[in-house]
Amino acid sequence: MDDIREAVVTARVIIADLTDHNPNVFYELGICHALGKNVILITQDRNVPSDVRHIRYFHYEYTPPGMEQLERALERTLRGLLH
């Protein structure tokens, strides 16, 4: 947990993959939001839990074209957040 806390504290942007509805990811996402961190949500599953559905997320397919599309979307978003 200390490693995760340190990574979150020092990160400028966090990318959280909600695909498997992993409780740890949602816990860490809560920490990020409490700390006011910029978080980019991504998921392969369109069934995003209602608690975070209002936050913009990128849906992607785990295919070569889908990953290329996600990469472009993340690049645009990161440029906007970091400049």
PDB file of N, CA and C in Angstrom:
ATOM      1  N   MET A   1       0.814  -1.193   0.000  1.00  0.00           N
ATOM      2  CA  MET A   1       0.000   0.000   0.000  1.00  0.00           C
ATOM      3  C   MET A   1       0.863   1.265   0.000  1.00  0.00           C
ATOM      4  N   ASP A   2       1.998   1.210   0.678  1.00  0.00           N
ATOM      5  CA  ASP A   2       2.887   2.379   0.697  1.00  0.00           C
ATOM      6  C   ASP A   2       3.382   2.723  -0.703  1.00  0.00           C
ATOM      7  N   ASP A   3       3.683   1.691  -1.504  1.00  0.00           N
ATOM      8  CA  ASP A   3       4.137   1.924  -2.879  1.00  0.00           C
ATOM      9  C   ASP A   3       3.070   2.643  -3.690  1.00  0.00           C
ATOM     10  N   ILE A   4       1.840   2.197  -3.535  1.00  0.00           N
ATOM     11  CA  ILE A   4       0.737   2.801  -4.287  1.00  0.00           C
ATOM     12  C   ILE A   4       0.521   4.234  -3.828  1.00  0.00           C
ATOM     13  N   ARG A   5       0.521   4.444  -2.539  1.00  0.00           N
ATOM     14  CA  ARG A   5       0.324   5.794  -2.005  1.00  0.00           C
ATOM     15  C   ARG A   5       1.410   6.739  -2.527  1.00  0.00           C
ATOM     16  N   GLU A   6       2.648   6.288  -2.499  1.00  0.00           N
ATOM     17  CA  GLU A   6       3.766   7.104  -2.987  1.00  0.00           C
ATOM     18  C   GLU A   6       3.622   7.403  -4.481  1.00  0.00           C
ATOM     19  N   ALA A   7       3.222   6.394  -5.246  1.00  0.00           N
ATOM     20  CA  ALA A   7       3.043   6.591  -6.687  1.00  0.00           C
ATOM     21  C   ALA A   7       1.930   7.596  -6.962  1.00  0.00           C
ATOM     22  N   VAL A   8       0.842   7.509  -6.230  1.00  0.00           N
ATOM     23  CA  VAL A   8      -0.278   8.432  -6.425  1.00  0.00           C
ATOM     24  C   VAL A   8       0.122   9.849  -6.039  1.00  0.00           C
ATOM     25  N   VAL A   9       0.805   9.989  -4.929  1.00  0.00           N
ATOM     26  CA  VAL A   9       1.202  11.314  -4.453  1.00  0.00           C
ATOM     27  C   VAL A   9       2.135  12.002  -5.448  1.00  0.00           C
ATOM     28  N   THR A  10       3.033  11.255  -6.059  1.00  0.00           N
ATOM     29  CA  THR A  10       4.022  11.863  -6.951  1.00  0.00           C
ATOM     30  C   THR A  10       3.571  11.959  -8.407  1.00  0.00           C
ATOM     31  N   ALA A  11       2.515  11.246  -8.775  1.00  0.00           N
ATOM     32  CA  ALA A  11       2.059  11.237 -10.169  1.00  0.00           C
ATOM     33  C   ALA A  11       1.371  12.542 -10.538  1.00  0.00           C
ATOM     34  N   ARG A  12       1.594  12.975 -11.756  1.00  0.00           N
ATOM     35  CA  ARG A  12       0.881  14.140 -12.273  1.00  0.00           C
ATOM     36  C   ARG A  12      -0.476  13.744 -12.828  1.00  0.00           C
ATOM     37  N   VAL A  13      -0.556  12.532 -13.375  1.00  0.00           N
ATOM     38  CA  VAL A  13      -1.800  12.009 -13.941  1.00  0.00           C
ATOM     39  C   VAL A  13      -1.845  10.515 -13.648  1.00  0.00           C
ATOM     40  N   ILE A  14      -3.025  10.014 -13.341  1.00  0.00           N
ATOM     41  CA  ILE A  14      -3.216   8.581 -13.103  1.00  0.00           C
ATOM     42  C   ILE A  14      -4.187   8.058 -14.158  1.00  0.00           C
ATOM     43  N   ILE A  15      -3.866   6.906 -14.733  1.00  0.00           N
ATOM     44  CA  ILE A  15      -4.767   6.220 -15.656  1.00  0.00           C
ATOM     45  C   ILE A  15      -5.281   4.994 -14.926  1.00  0.00           C
ATOM     46  N   ALA A  16      -6.594   4.899 -14.784  1.00  0.00           N
ATOM     47  CA  ALA A  16      -7.215   3.785 -14.067  1.00  0.00           C
ATOM     48  C   ALA A  16      -8.067   2.975 -15.031  1.00  0.00           C
ATOM     49  N   ASP A  17      -7.789   1.674 -15.101  1.00  0.00           N
ATOM     50  CA  ASP A  17      -8.561   0.781 -15.968  1.00  0.00           C
ATOM     51  C   ASP A  17      -9.632   0.095 -15.127  1.00  0.00           C
ATOM     52  N   LEU A  18     -10.875   0.395 -15.422  1.00  0.00           N
ATOM     53  CA  LEU A  18     -12.016  -0.118 -14.670  1.00  0.00           C
ATOM     54  C   LEU A  18     -12.567  -1.418 -15.236  1.00  0.00           C
ATOM     55  N   THR A  19     -11.916  -1.993 -16.210  1.00  0.00           N
ATOM     56  CA  THR A  19     -12.448  -3.124 -16.966  1.00  0.00           C
ATOM     57  C   THR A  19     -12.962  -4.267 -16.095  1.00  0.00           C
ATOM     58  N   ASP A  20     -12.184  -4.718 -15.147  1.00  0.00           N
ATOM     59  CA  ASP A  20     -12.577  -5.899 -14.372  1.00  0.00           C
ATOM     60  C   ASP A  20     -13.313  -5.570 -13.083  1.00  0.00           C
ATOM     61  N   HIS A  21     -13.669  -4.306 -12.889  1.00  0.00           N
ATOM     62  CA  HIS A  21     -14.362  -3.865 -11.669  1.00  0.00           C
ATOM     63  C   HIS A  21     -13.599  -4.305 -10.426  1.00  0.00           C
ATOM     64  N   ASN A  22     -12.272  -4.194 -10.495  1.00  0.00           N
ATOM     65  CA  ASN A  22     -11.394  -4.597  -9.402  1.00  0.00           C
ATOM     66  C   ASN A  22     -11.578  -3.640  -8.217  1.00  0.00           C
ATOM     67  N   PRO A  23     -11.949  -4.153  -7.044  1.00  0.00           N
ATOM     68  CA  PRO A  23     -12.149  -3.282  -5.881  1.00  0.00           C
ATOM     69  C   PRO A  23     -10.922  -2.447  -5.543  1.00  0.00           C
ATOM     70  N   ASN A  24      -9.726  -2.989  -5.732  1.00  0.00           N
ATOM     71  CA  ASN A  24      -8.508  -2.224  -5.440  1.00  0.00           C
ATOM     72  C   ASN A  24      -8.399  -0.993  -6.331  1.00  0.00           C
ATOM     73  N   VAL A  25      -8.784  -1.133  -7.589  1.00  0.00           N
ATOM     74  CA  VAL A  25      -8.716  -0.002  -8.515  1.00  0.00           C
ATOM     75  C   VAL A  25      -9.669   1.099  -8.038  1.00  0.00           C
ATOM     76  N   PHE A  26     -10.859   0.712  -7.598  1.00  0.00           N
ATOM     77  CA  PHE A  26     -11.820   1.708  -7.142  1.00  0.00           C
ATOM     78  C   PHE A  26     -11.359   2.363  -5.837  1.00  0.00           C
ATOM     79  N   TYR A  27     -10.723   1.613  -4.980  1.00  0.00           N
ATOM     80  CA  TYR A  27     -10.159   2.164  -3.744  1.00  0.00           C
ATOM     81  C   TYR A  27      -9.072   3.197  -4.082  1.00  0.00           C
ATOM     82  N   GLU A  28      -8.184   2.810  -4.979  1.00  0.00           N
ATOM     83  CA  GLU A  28      -7.107   3.710  -5.386  1.00  0.00           C
ATOM     84  C   GLU A  28      -7.663   4.924  -6.123  1.00  0.00           C
ATOM     85  N   LEU A  29      -8.709   4.737  -6.900  1.00  0.00           N
ATOM     86  CA  LEU A  29      -9.362   5.850  -7.582  1.00  0.00           C
ATOM     87  C   LEU A  29      -9.918   6.839  -6.558  1.00  0.00           C
ATOM     88  N   GLY A  30     -10.490   6.323  -5.480  1.00  0.00           N
ATOM     89  CA  GLY A  30     -10.984   7.186  -4.412  1.00  0.00           C
ATOM     90  C   GLY A  30      -9.871   8.001  -3.788  1.00  0.00           C
ATOM     91  N   ILE A  31      -8.724   7.372  -3.569  1.00  0.00           N
ATOM     92  CA  ILE A  31      -7.562   8.095  -3.027  1.00  0.00           C
ATOM     93  C   ILE A  31      -7.155   9.206  -3.987  1.00  0.00           C
ATOM     94  N   CYS A  32      -7.096   8.891  -5.264  1.00  0.00           N
ATOM     95  CA  CYS A  32      -6.718   9.890  -6.271  1.00  0.00           C
ATOM     96  C   CYS A  32      -7.671  11.076  -6.243  1.00  0.00           C
ATOM     97  N   HIS A  33      -8.949  10.801  -6.184  1.00  0.00           N
ATOM     98  CA  HIS A  33      -9.924  11.888  -6.177  1.00  0.00           C
ATOM     99  C   HIS A  33      -9.828  12.702  -4.890  1.00  0.00           C
ATOM    100  N   ALA A  34      -9.620  12.034  -3.760  1.00  0.00           N
ATOM    101  CA  ALA A  34      -9.481  12.748  -2.488  1.00  0.00           C
ATOM    102  C   ALA A  34      -8.278  13.684  -2.509  1.00  0.00           C
ATOM    103  N   LEU A  35      -7.236  13.283  -3.222  1.00  0.00           N
ATOM    104  CA  LEU A  35      -6.026  14.099  -3.317  1.00  0.00           C
ATOM    105  C   LEU A  35      -6.096  15.130  -4.444  1.00  0.00           C
ATOM    106  N   GLY A  36      -7.190  15.119  -5.192  1.00  0.00           N
ATOM    107  CA  GLY A  36      -7.345  16.084  -6.275  1.00  0.00           C
ATOM    108  C   GLY A  36      -6.485  15.799  -7.492  1.00  0.00           C
ATOM    109  N   LYS A  37      -6.131  14.545  -7.698  1.00  0.00           N
ATOM    110  CA  LYS A  37      -5.290  14.161  -8.832  1.00  0.00           C
ATOM    111  C   LYS A  37      -6.092  14.119 -10.120  1.00  0.00           C
ATOM    112  N   ASN A  38      -5.415  14.388 -11.233  1.00  0.00           N
ATOM    113  CA  ASN A  38      -6.023  14.192 -12.549  1.00  0.00           C
ATOM    114  C   ASN A  38      -6.062  12.703 -12.828  1.00  0.00           C
ATOM    115  N   VAL A  39      -7.252  12.192 -13.114  1.00  0.00           N
ATOM    116  CA  VAL A  39      -7.417  10.769 -13.373  1.00  0.00           C
ATOM    117  C   VAL A  39      -8.094  10.585 -14.722  1.00  0.00           C
ATOM    118  N   ILE A  40      -7.537   9.693 -15.511  1.00  0.00           N
ATOM    119  CA  ILE A  40      -8.134   9.307 -16.790  1.00  0.00           C
ATOM    120  C   ILE A  40      -8.656   7.887 -16.607  1.00  0.00           C
ATOM    121  N   LEU A  41      -9.949   7.703 -16.856  1.00  0.00           N
ATOM    122  CA  LEU A  41     -10.558   6.386 -16.730  1.00  0.00           C
ATOM    123  C   LEU A  41     -10.648   5.725 -18.099  1.00  0.00           C
ATOM    124  N   ILE A  42     -10.293   4.441 -18.130  1.00  0.00           N
ATOM    125  CA  ILE A  42     -10.426   3.650 -19.355  1.00  0.00           C
ATOM    126  C   ILE A  42     -11.127   2.356 -18.990  1.00  0.00           C
ATOM    127  N   THR A  43     -11.803   1.750 -19.954  1.00  0.00           N
ATOM    128  CA  THR A  43     -12.488   0.488 -19.700  1.00  0.00           C
ATOM    129  C   THR A  43     -12.824  -0.219 -21.005  1.00  0.00           C
ATOM    130  N   GLN A  44     -12.811  -1.535 -20.947  1.00  0.00           N
ATOM    131  CA  GLN A  44     -13.277  -2.339 -22.074  1.00  0.00           C
ATOM    132  C   GLN A  44     -14.770  -2.623 -21.929  1.00  0.00           C
ATOM    133  N   ASP A  45     -15.290  -2.439 -20.739  1.00  0.00           N
ATOM    134  CA  ASP A  45     -16.669  -2.775 -20.399  1.00  0.00           C
ATOM    135  C   ASP A  45     -17.510  -1.502 -20.384  1.00  0.00           C
ATOM    136  N   ARG A  46     -18.590  -1.475 -21.111  1.00  0.00           N
ATOM    137  CA  ARG A  46     -19.452  -0.285 -21.120  1.00  0.00           C
ATOM    138  C   ARG A  46     -20.315  -0.202 -19.855  1.00  0.00           C
ATOM    139  N   ASN A  47     -20.320  -1.237 -19.050  1.00  0.00           N
ATOM    140  CA  ASN A  47     -21.089  -1.255 -17.804  1.00  0.00           C
ATOM    141  C   ASN A  47     -20.244  -0.648 -16.682  1.00  0.00           C
ATOM    142  N   VAL A  48     -20.079   0.658 -16.726  1.00  0.00           N
ATOM    143  CA  VAL A  48     -19.300   1.376 -15.714  1.00  0.00           C
ATOM    144  C   VAL A  48     -20.193   1.585 -14.500  1.00  0.00           C
ATOM    145  N   PRO A  49     -19.693   1.301 -13.303  1.00  0.00           N
ATOM    146  CA  PRO A  49     -20.510   1.482 -12.101  1.00  0.00           C
ATOM    147  C   PRO A  49     -21.056   2.910 -11.986  1.00  0.00           C
ATOM    148  N   SER A  50     -22.259   3.020 -11.465  1.00  0.00           N
ATOM    149  CA  SER A  50     -22.940   4.318 -11.404  1.00  0.00           C
ATOM    150  C   SER A  50     -22.174   5.355 -10.597  1.00  0.00           C
ATOM    151  N   ASP A  51     -21.380   4.931  -9.629  1.00  0.00           N
ATOM    152  CA  ASP A  51     -20.636   5.889  -8.795  1.00  0.00           C
ATOM    153  C   ASP A  51     -19.628   6.707  -9.598  1.00  0.00           C
ATOM    154  N   VAL A  52     -19.145   6.159 -10.696  1.00  0.00           N
ATOM    155  CA  VAL A  52     -18.147   6.869 -11.502  1.00  0.00           C
ATOM    156  C   VAL A  52     -18.605   7.096 -12.945  1.00  0.00           C
ATOM    157  N   ARG A  53     -19.825   6.703 -13.251  1.00  0.00           N
ATOM    158  CA  ARG A  53     -20.327   6.821 -14.626  1.00  0.00           C
ATOM    159  C   ARG A  53     -20.366   8.271 -15.098  1.00  0.00           C
ATOM    160  N   HIS A  54     -20.522   9.212 -14.185  1.00  0.00           N
ATOM    161  CA  HIS A  54     -20.603  10.630 -14.554  1.00  0.00           C
ATOM    162  C   HIS A  54     -19.237  11.213 -14.935  1.00  0.00           C
ATOM    163  N   ILE A  55     -18.161  10.472 -14.654  1.00  0.00           N
ATOM    164  CA  ILE A  55     -16.813  10.923 -14.987  1.00  0.00           C
ATOM    165  C   ILE A  55     -16.486  10.437 -16.400  1.00  0.00           C
ATOM    166  N   ARG A  56     -15.919  11.305 -17.200  1.00  0.00           N
ATOM    167  CA  ARG A  56     -15.576  10.922 -18.571  1.00  0.00           C
ATOM    168  C   ARG A  56     -14.638   9.723 -18.553  1.00  0.00           C
ATOM    169  N   TYR A  57     -14.910   8.772 -19.419  1.00  0.00           N
ATOM    170  CA  TYR A  57     -14.044   7.601 -19.548  1.00  0.00           C
ATOM    171  C   TYR A  57     -13.908   7.257 -21.024  1.00  0.00           C
ATOM    172  N   PHE A  58     -12.833   6.519 -21.312  1.00  0.00           N
ATOM    173  CA  PHE A  58     -12.596   6.054 -22.675  1.00  0.00           C
ATOM    174  C   PHE A  58     -12.900   4.570 -22.738  1.00  0.00           C
ATOM    175  N   HIS A  59     -13.803   4.215 -23.632  1.00  0.00           N
ATOM    176  CA  HIS A  59     -14.079   2.802 -23.886  1.00  0.00           C
ATOM    177  C   HIS A  59     -13.113   2.351 -24.969  1.00  0.00           C
ATOM    178  N   TYR A  60     -12.534   1.165 -24.771  1.00  0.00           N
ATOM    179  CA  TYR A  60     -11.606   0.663 -25.779  1.00  0.00           C
ATOM    180  C   TYR A  60     -11.799  -0.832 -25.981  1.00  0.00           C
ATOM    181  N   GLU A  61     -11.387  -1.293 -27.129  1.00  0.00           N
ATOM    182  CA  GLU A  61     -11.390  -2.722 -27.436  1.00  0.00           C
ATOM    183  C   GLU A  61      -9.952  -3.200 -27.454  1.00  0.00           C
ATOM    184  N   TYR A  62      -9.739  -4.370 -26.888  1.00  0.00           N
ATOM    185  CA  TYR A  62      -8.387  -4.929 -26.815  1.00  0.00           C
ATOM    186  C   TYR A  62      -8.058  -5.643 -28.123  1.00  0.00           C
ATOM    187  N   THR A  63      -7.937  -4.838 -29.156  1.00  0.00           N
ATOM    188  CA  THR A  63      -7.564  -5.295 -30.497  1.00  0.00           C
ATOM    189  C   THR A  63      -6.502  -4.315 -30.997  1.00  0.00           C
ATOM    190  N   PRO A  64      -5.735  -4.680 -31.996  1.00  0.00           N
ATOM    191  CA  PRO A  64      -4.756  -3.709 -32.505  1.00  0.00           C
ATOM    192  C   PRO A  64      -5.378  -2.356 -32.885  1.00  0.00           C
ATOM    193  N   PRO A  65      -6.488  -2.331 -33.654  1.00  0.00           N
ATOM    194  CA  PRO A  65      -7.079  -1.015 -33.971  1.00  0.00           C
ATOM    195  C   PRO A  65      -7.630  -0.314 -32.723  1.00  0.00           C
ATOM    196  N   GLY A  66      -8.225  -1.088 -31.819  1.00  0.00           N
ATOM    197  CA  GLY A  66      -8.771  -0.500 -30.597  1.00  0.00           C
ATOM    198  C   GLY A  66      -7.696   0.100 -29.722  1.00  0.00           C
ATOM    199  N   MET A  67      -6.555  -0.565 -29.631  1.00  0.00           N
ATOM    200  CA  MET A  67      -5.456  -0.049 -28.811  1.00  0.00           C
ATOM    201  C   MET A  67      -4.825   1.186 -29.461  1.00  0.00           C
ATOM    202  N   GLU A  68      -4.759   1.212 -30.782  1.00  0.00           N
ATOM    203  CA  GLU A  68      -4.256   2.406 -31.470  1.00  0.00           C
ATOM    204  C   GLU A  68      -5.173   3.594 -31.217  1.00  0.00           C
ATOM    205  N   GLN A  69      -6.476   3.353 -31.255  1.00  0.00           N
ATOM    206  CA  GLN A  69      -7.445   4.415 -30.997  1.00  0.00           C
ATOM    207  C   GLN A  69      -7.315   4.911 -29.544  1.00  0.00           C
ATOM    208  N   LEU A  70      -7.166   3.997 -28.601  1.00  0.00           N
ATOM    209  CA  LEU A  70      -6.983   4.380 -27.201  1.00  0.00           C
ATOM    210  C   LEU A  70      -5.703   5.184 -27.027  1.00  0.00           C
ATOM    211  N   GLU A  71      -4.645   4.740 -27.668  1.00  0.00           N
ATOM    212  CA  GLU A  71      -3.363   5.449 -27.576  1.00  0.00           C
ATOM    213  C   GLU A  71      -3.493   6.893 -28.055  1.00  0.00           C
ATOM    214  N   ARG A  72      -4.182   7.091 -29.171  1.00  0.00           N
ATOM    215  CA  ARG A  72      -4.376   8.456 -29.693  1.00  0.00           C
ATOM    216  C   ARG A  72      -5.216   9.296 -28.722  1.00  0.00           C
ATOM    217  N   ALA A  73      -6.270   8.695 -28.174  1.00  0.00           N
ATOM    218  CA  ALA A  73      -7.128   9.422 -27.238  1.00  0.00           C
ATOM    219  C   ALA A  73      -6.361   9.791 -25.969  1.00  0.00           C
ATOM    220  N   LEU A  74      -5.557   8.868 -25.463  1.00  0.00           N
ATOM    221  CA  LEU A  74      -4.768   9.152 -24.264  1.00  0.00           C
ATOM    222  C   LEU A  74      -3.723  10.234 -24.540  1.00  0.00           C
ATOM    223  N   GLU A  75      -3.104  10.161 -25.696  1.00  0.00           N
ATOM    224  CA  GLU A  75      -2.096  11.164 -26.038  1.00  0.00           C
ATOM    225  C   GLU A  75      -2.714  12.567 -26.079  1.00  0.00           C
ATOM    226  N   ARG A  76      -3.876  12.695 -26.721  1.00  0.00           N
ATOM    227  CA  ARG A  76      -4.556  14.000 -26.791  1.00  0.00           C
ATOM    228  C   ARG A  76      -4.921  14.488 -25.384  1.00  0.00           C
ATOM    229  N   THR A  77      -5.444  13.592 -24.587  1.00  0.00           N
ATOM    230  CA  THR A  77      -5.873  13.963 -23.237  1.00  0.00           C
ATOM    231  C   THR A  77      -4.697  14.354 -22.369  1.00  0.00           C
ATOM    232  N   LEU A  78      -3.629  13.569 -22.429  1.00  0.00           N
ATOM    233  CA  LEU A  78      -2.437  13.879 -21.627  1.00  0.00           C
ATOM    234  C   LEU A  78      -1.828  15.214 -22.049  1.00  0.00           C
ATOM    235  N   ARG A  79      -1.779  15.473 -23.327  1.00  0.00           N
ATOM    236  CA  ARG A  79      -1.252  16.770 -23.787  1.00  0.00           C
ATOM    237  C   ARG A  79      -2.065  17.916 -23.208  1.00  0.00           C
ATOM    238  N   GLY A  80      -3.379  17.743 -23.190  1.00  0.00           N
ATOM    239  CA  GLY A  80      -4.241  18.782 -22.651  1.00  0.00           C
ATOM    240  C   GLY A  80      -4.045  18.970 -21.147  1.00  0.00           C
ATOM    241  N   LEU A  81      -3.853  17.894 -20.426  1.00  0.00           N
ATOM    242  CA  LEU A  81      -3.687  17.972 -18.978  1.00  0.00           C
ATOM    243  C   LEU A  81      -2.314  18.484 -18.559  1.00  0.00           C
ATOM    244  N   LEU A  82      -1.307  18.171 -19.334  1.00  0.00           N
ATOM    245  CA  LEU A  82       0.065  18.482 -18.923  1.00  0.00           C
ATOM    246  C   LEU A  82       0.590  19.805 -19.489  1.00  0.00           C
ATOM    247  N   HIS A  83      -0.175  20.453 -20.325  1.00  0.00           N
ATOM    248  CA  HIS A  83       0.295  21.748 -20.880  1.00  0.00           C
ATOM    249  C   HIS A  83      -0.497  22.886 -20.343  1.00  0.00           C
TER     250      HIS A  83
END
